[in-house]
Amino acid sequence: MMMDMAVELVTLADGIPGAKPTEIPGLSGPVSKLFGYGLWLLILAGAGGTGFGVYKLAVADKSRHGGGSEPFKWMGGGVATILLAGSLITILNGIAG
């Protein structure tokens, strides 16, 4: 019951462009699908973090007393997430393909 609900929620991610995960050999269908969609959602989260960092940089207090490194932490974390998830997708597609 719980697994069916989780699969239904993840398949709502069909609206993500190009989010058609390749089946991974040795994994069951639902696990492979959840893992594949999870990586695509991680890329979207990284893009959101990067965008939020750009926003924080635009509205940050530019004086010497402002916390000037926080926007760069958001942007760096977002870019790192995108690179990590992208490389995992590439590796898994290479294994599966």
N, C-alpha and C. Protein backbone atom coordinates (compact mmCIF):
# COMPACT_ATOMS: atom_id res chain seq x y z
N MET A 1 0.82 -1.18 0.00
CA MET A 1 0.00 0.00 0.00
C MET A 1 0.88 1.26 0.00
N MET A 2 1.85 1.30 0.91
CA MET A 2 2.71 2.48 1.02
C MET A 2 3.59 2.62 -0.21
N MET A 3 4.07 1.49 -0.75
CA MET A 3 4.93 1.53 -1.93
C MET A 3 4.14 2.01 -3.14
N ASP A 4 2.89 1.56 -3.26
CA ASP A 4 2.06 2.01 -4.38
C ASP A 4 1.85 3.52 -4.34
N MET A 5 1.63 4.03 -3.13
CA MET A 5 1.43 5.48 -2.98
C MET A 5 2.71 6.24 -3.35
N ALA A 6 3.85 5.71 -2.94
CA ALA A 6 5.12 6.37 -3.25
C ALA A 6 5.37 6.37 -4.75
N VAL A 7 5.07 5.27 -5.41
CA VAL A 7 5.26 5.19 -6.86
C VAL A 7 4.32 6.16 -7.57
N GLU A 8 3.09 6.28 -7.08
CA GLU A 8 2.14 7.22 -7.68
C GLU A 8 2.63 8.66 -7.55
N LEU A 9 3.17 9.01 -6.38
CA LEU A 9 3.68 10.37 -6.18
C LEU A 9 4.88 10.65 -7.08
N VAL A 10 5.74 9.66 -7.23
CA VAL A 10 6.93 9.87 -8.05
C VAL A 10 6.56 9.96 -9.52
N THR A 11 5.54 9.21 -9.94
CA THR A 11 5.18 9.27 -11.35
C THR A 11 4.52 10.59 -11.72
N LEU A 12 4.19 11.39 -10.72
CA LEU A 12 3.72 12.75 -11.02
C LEU A 12 4.86 13.57 -11.64
N ALA A 13 6.07 13.08 -11.50
CA ALA A 13 7.24 13.76 -12.06
C ALA A 13 7.33 13.56 -13.57
N ASP A 14 6.32 12.96 -14.19
CA ASP A 14 6.33 12.79 -15.64
C ASP A 14 6.37 14.13 -16.37
N GLY A 15 6.00 15.21 -15.68
CA GLY A 15 6.03 16.53 -16.29
C GLY A 15 7.43 17.08 -16.45
N ILE A 16 8.41 16.43 -15.83
CA ILE A 16 9.80 16.88 -15.94
C ILE A 16 10.31 16.51 -17.33
N PRO A 17 10.82 17.49 -18.08
CA PRO A 17 11.29 17.16 -19.42
C PRO A 17 12.46 16.18 -19.39
N GLY A 18 12.34 15.14 -20.16
CA GLY A 18 13.43 14.17 -20.27
C GLY A 18 13.56 13.24 -19.09
N ALA A 19 12.61 13.25 -18.17
CA ALA A 19 12.71 12.42 -16.97
C ALA A 19 12.13 11.04 -17.24
N LYS A 20 12.76 10.32 -18.11
CA LYS A 20 12.38 8.95 -18.39
C LYS A 20 13.57 8.06 -18.02
N PRO A 21 13.63 7.62 -16.76
CA PRO A 21 14.82 6.87 -16.33
C PRO A 21 14.95 5.53 -17.04
N THR A 22 16.18 5.18 -17.31
CA THR A 22 16.51 3.90 -17.92
C THR A 22 16.46 2.82 -16.84
N GLU A 23 15.92 1.66 -17.17
CA GLU A 23 15.88 0.55 -16.22
C GLU A 23 17.31 0.13 -15.86
N ILE A 24 17.57 -0.06 -14.58
CA ILE A 24 18.89 -0.46 -14.11
C ILE A 24 18.88 -1.98 -13.94
N PRO A 25 19.80 -2.70 -14.57
CA PRO A 25 19.82 -4.15 -14.44
C PRO A 25 20.03 -4.58 -12.99
N GLY A 26 19.26 -5.54 -12.55
CA GLY A 26 19.41 -6.07 -11.19
C GLY A 26 18.51 -5.42 -10.17
N LEU A 27 17.84 -4.35 -10.52
CA LEU A 27 16.91 -3.72 -9.59
C LEU A 27 15.49 -4.01 -10.04
N SER A 28 14.60 -4.10 -9.05
CA SER A 28 13.20 -4.32 -9.41
C SER A 28 12.64 -3.05 -10.05
N GLY A 29 11.55 -3.17 -10.77
CA GLY A 29 10.97 -2.06 -11.50
C GLY A 29 10.66 -0.83 -10.66
N PRO A 30 9.91 -0.96 -9.55
CA PRO A 30 9.59 0.23 -8.75
C PRO A 30 10.81 0.89 -8.13
N VAL A 31 11.78 0.09 -7.68
CA VAL A 31 12.98 0.66 -7.07
C VAL A 31 13.77 1.44 -8.12
N SER A 32 13.91 0.86 -9.29
CA SER A 32 14.63 1.52 -10.37
C SER A 32 13.94 2.82 -10.77
N LYS A 33 12.62 2.79 -10.84
CA LYS A 33 11.86 3.98 -11.23
C LYS A 33 11.98 5.07 -10.16
N LEU A 34 11.84 4.70 -8.89
CA LEU A 34 11.97 5.68 -7.81
C LEU A 34 13.36 6.30 -7.80
N PHE A 35 14.39 5.47 -7.98
CA PHE A 35 15.76 5.97 -7.98
C PHE A 35 16.00 6.93 -9.14
N GLY A 36 15.51 6.56 -10.31
CA GLY A 36 15.69 7.41 -11.49
C GLY A 36 15.00 8.74 -11.36
N TYR A 37 13.73 8.73 -10.92
CA TYR A 37 13.01 9.99 -10.74
C TYR A 37 13.60 10.81 -9.59
N GLY A 38 14.11 10.13 -8.57
CA GLY A 38 14.73 10.84 -7.46
C GLY A 38 15.94 11.65 -7.90
N LEU A 39 16.73 11.09 -8.83
CA LEU A 39 17.88 11.82 -9.34
C LEU A 39 17.45 13.05 -10.14
N TRP A 40 16.37 12.91 -10.93
CA TRP A 40 15.88 14.06 -11.68
C TRP A 40 15.35 15.13 -10.74
N LEU A 41 14.67 14.73 -9.67
CA LEU A 41 14.18 15.70 -8.70
C LEU A 41 15.33 16.38 -7.97
N LEU A 42 16.43 15.65 -7.76
CA LEU A 42 17.61 16.25 -7.15
C LEU A 42 18.18 17.35 -8.03
N ILE A 43 18.17 17.13 -9.34
CA ILE A 43 18.65 18.17 -10.26
C ILE A 43 17.76 19.41 -10.17
N LEU A 44 16.46 19.20 -10.09
CA LEU A 44 15.55 20.34 -9.94
C LEU A 44 15.78 21.07 -8.63
N ALA A 45 16.05 20.33 -7.56
CA ALA A 45 16.34 20.96 -6.27
C ALA A 45 17.63 21.77 -6.34
N GLY A 46 18.64 21.24 -7.04
CA GLY A 46 19.89 21.97 -7.21
C GLY A 46 19.69 23.25 -8.00
N ALA A 47 18.86 23.18 -9.03
CA ALA A 47 18.56 24.38 -9.82
C ALA A 47 17.83 25.40 -8.96
N GLY A 48 16.92 24.92 -8.11
CA GLY A 48 16.22 25.84 -7.21
C GLY A 48 17.17 26.48 -6.21
N GLY A 49 18.10 25.71 -5.67
CA GLY A 49 19.08 26.26 -4.73
C GLY A 49 19.99 27.29 -5.38
N THR A 50 20.40 27.01 -6.60
CA THR A 50 21.23 27.96 -7.33
C THR A 50 20.46 29.25 -7.61
N GLY A 51 19.21 29.11 -8.04
CA GLY A 51 18.37 30.29 -8.28
C GLY A 51 18.14 31.10 -7.03
N PHE A 52 17.93 30.42 -5.90
CA PHE A 52 17.74 31.12 -4.63
C PHE A 52 19.00 31.86 -4.23
N GLY A 53 20.17 31.26 -4.50
CA GLY A 53 21.43 31.93 -4.20
C GLY A 53 21.61 33.18 -5.04
N VAL A 54 21.23 33.11 -6.30
CA VAL A 54 21.30 34.30 -7.18
C VAL A 54 20.36 35.38 -6.65
N TYR A 55 19.16 34.98 -6.23
CA TYR A 55 18.21 35.94 -5.66
C TYR A 55 18.77 36.59 -4.40
N LYS A 56 19.34 35.78 -3.50
CA LYS A 56 19.90 36.32 -2.25
C LYS A 56 21.06 37.26 -2.54
N LEU A 57 21.85 36.96 -3.58
CA LEU A 57 22.94 37.84 -3.95
C LEU A 57 22.41 39.17 -4.47
N ALA A 58 21.30 39.13 -5.18
CA ALA A 58 20.73 40.36 -5.74
C ALA A 58 20.17 41.27 -4.65
N VAL A 59 19.63 40.69 -3.58
CA VAL A 59 19.00 41.51 -2.55
C VAL A 59 19.86 41.63 -1.29
N ALA A 60 21.10 41.13 -1.32
CA ALA A 60 21.95 41.13 -0.13
C ALA A 60 22.41 42.54 0.21
N ASP A 61 22.68 42.72 1.48
CA ASP A 61 23.25 43.96 1.97
C ASP A 61 24.72 43.98 1.53
N LYS A 62 25.07 44.93 0.72
CA LYS A 62 26.41 44.95 0.12
C LYS A 62 27.45 45.66 1.00
N SER A 63 27.05 46.09 2.18
CA SER A 63 28.01 46.77 3.07
C SER A 63 28.96 45.75 3.70
N ARG A 64 29.90 46.24 4.44
CA ARG A 64 30.87 45.37 5.09
C ARG A 64 30.25 44.52 6.20
N HIS A 65 29.09 44.91 6.68
CA HIS A 65 28.50 44.21 7.81
C HIS A 65 27.53 43.11 7.38
N GLY A 66 27.26 42.99 6.11
CA GLY A 66 26.32 41.98 5.62
C GLY A 66 26.96 40.61 5.53
N GLY A 67 26.15 39.58 5.52
CA GLY A 67 26.64 38.22 5.38
C GLY A 67 26.83 37.91 3.91
N GLY A 68 27.95 38.32 3.36
CA GLY A 68 28.17 38.24 1.92
C GLY A 68 28.42 36.85 1.39
N SER A 69 28.74 35.87 2.25
CA SER A 69 29.07 34.54 1.72
C SER A 69 27.86 33.63 1.61
N GLU A 70 26.75 33.98 2.23
CA GLU A 70 25.59 33.08 2.22
C GLU A 70 25.05 32.81 0.81
N PRO A 71 24.89 33.82 -0.06
CA PRO A 71 24.41 33.51 -1.41
C PRO A 71 25.33 32.55 -2.16
N PHE A 72 26.63 32.67 -1.93
CA PHE A 72 27.57 31.79 -2.61
C PHE A 72 27.50 30.36 -2.08
N LYS A 73 27.12 30.20 -0.80
CA LYS A 73 26.91 28.86 -0.25
C LYS A 73 25.71 28.20 -0.93
N TRP A 74 24.63 28.96 -1.12
CA TRP A 74 23.45 28.44 -1.80
C TRP A 74 23.78 28.07 -3.24
N MET A 75 24.46 28.97 -3.94
CA MET A 75 24.79 28.71 -5.35
C MET A 75 25.75 27.53 -5.48
N GLY A 76 26.75 27.47 -4.62
CA GLY A 76 27.71 26.37 -4.67
C GLY A 76 27.06 25.03 -4.37
N GLY A 77 26.19 25.01 -3.37
CA GLY A 77 25.47 23.78 -3.04
C GLY A 77 24.58 23.33 -4.18
N GLY A 78 23.90 24.28 -4.81
CA GLY A 78 23.03 23.95 -5.93
C GLY A 78 23.80 23.39 -7.11
N VAL A 79 24.92 24.04 -7.44
CA VAL A 79 25.73 23.57 -8.57
C VAL A 79 26.33 22.20 -8.25
N ALA A 80 26.78 21.99 -7.01
CA ALA A 80 27.34 20.70 -6.63
C ALA A 80 26.28 19.60 -6.73
N THR A 81 25.05 19.91 -6.33
CA THR A 81 23.96 18.93 -6.42
C THR A 81 23.67 18.59 -7.87
N ILE A 82 23.63 19.59 -8.74
CA ILE A 82 23.38 19.35 -10.16
C ILE A 82 24.49 18.48 -10.75
N LEU A 83 25.74 18.78 -10.44
CA LEU A 83 26.86 17.99 -10.99
C LEU A 83 26.84 16.56 -10.47
N LEU A 84 26.56 16.37 -9.17
CA LEU A 84 26.54 15.04 -8.60
C LEU A 84 25.41 14.19 -9.21
N ALA A 85 24.21 14.75 -9.24
CA ALA A 85 23.08 14.00 -9.79
C ALA A 85 23.27 13.75 -11.29
N GLY A 86 23.79 14.73 -12.00
CA GLY A 86 24.04 14.55 -13.43
C GLY A 86 25.05 13.46 -13.71
N SER A 87 26.11 13.41 -12.91
CA SER A 87 27.11 12.36 -13.11
C SER A 87 26.55 10.99 -12.74
N LEU A 88 25.72 10.91 -11.70
CA LEU A 88 25.10 9.63 -11.34
C LEU A 88 24.15 9.16 -12.44
N ILE A 89 23.40 10.07 -13.04
CA ILE A 89 22.51 9.70 -14.14
C ILE A 89 23.32 9.19 -15.32
N THR A 90 24.44 9.85 -15.63
CA THR A 90 25.30 9.43 -16.73
C THR A 90 25.89 8.03 -16.47
N ILE A 91 26.36 7.83 -15.24
CA ILE A 91 26.95 6.53 -14.88
C ILE A 91 25.90 5.42 -14.97
N LEU A 92 24.71 5.67 -14.41
CA LEU A 92 23.67 4.65 -14.42
C LEU A 92 23.17 4.36 -15.84
N ASN A 93 23.07 5.38 -16.67
CA ASN A 93 22.67 5.15 -18.06
C ASN A 93 23.75 4.37 -18.81
N GLY A 94 25.01 4.59 -18.46
CA GLY A 94 26.09 3.83 -19.07
C GLY A 94 26.05 2.36 -18.65
N ILE A 95 25.71 2.11 -17.38
CA ILE A 95 25.60 0.73 -16.90
C ILE A 95 24.40 0.04 -17.54
N ALA A 96 23.28 0.78 -17.59
CA ALA A 96 22.04 0.18 -18.09
C ALA A 96 22.02 0.04 -19.61
N GLY A 97 22.74 0.94 -20.29
CA GLY A 97 22.64 0.96 -21.74
C GLY A 97 23.60 0.07 -22.40
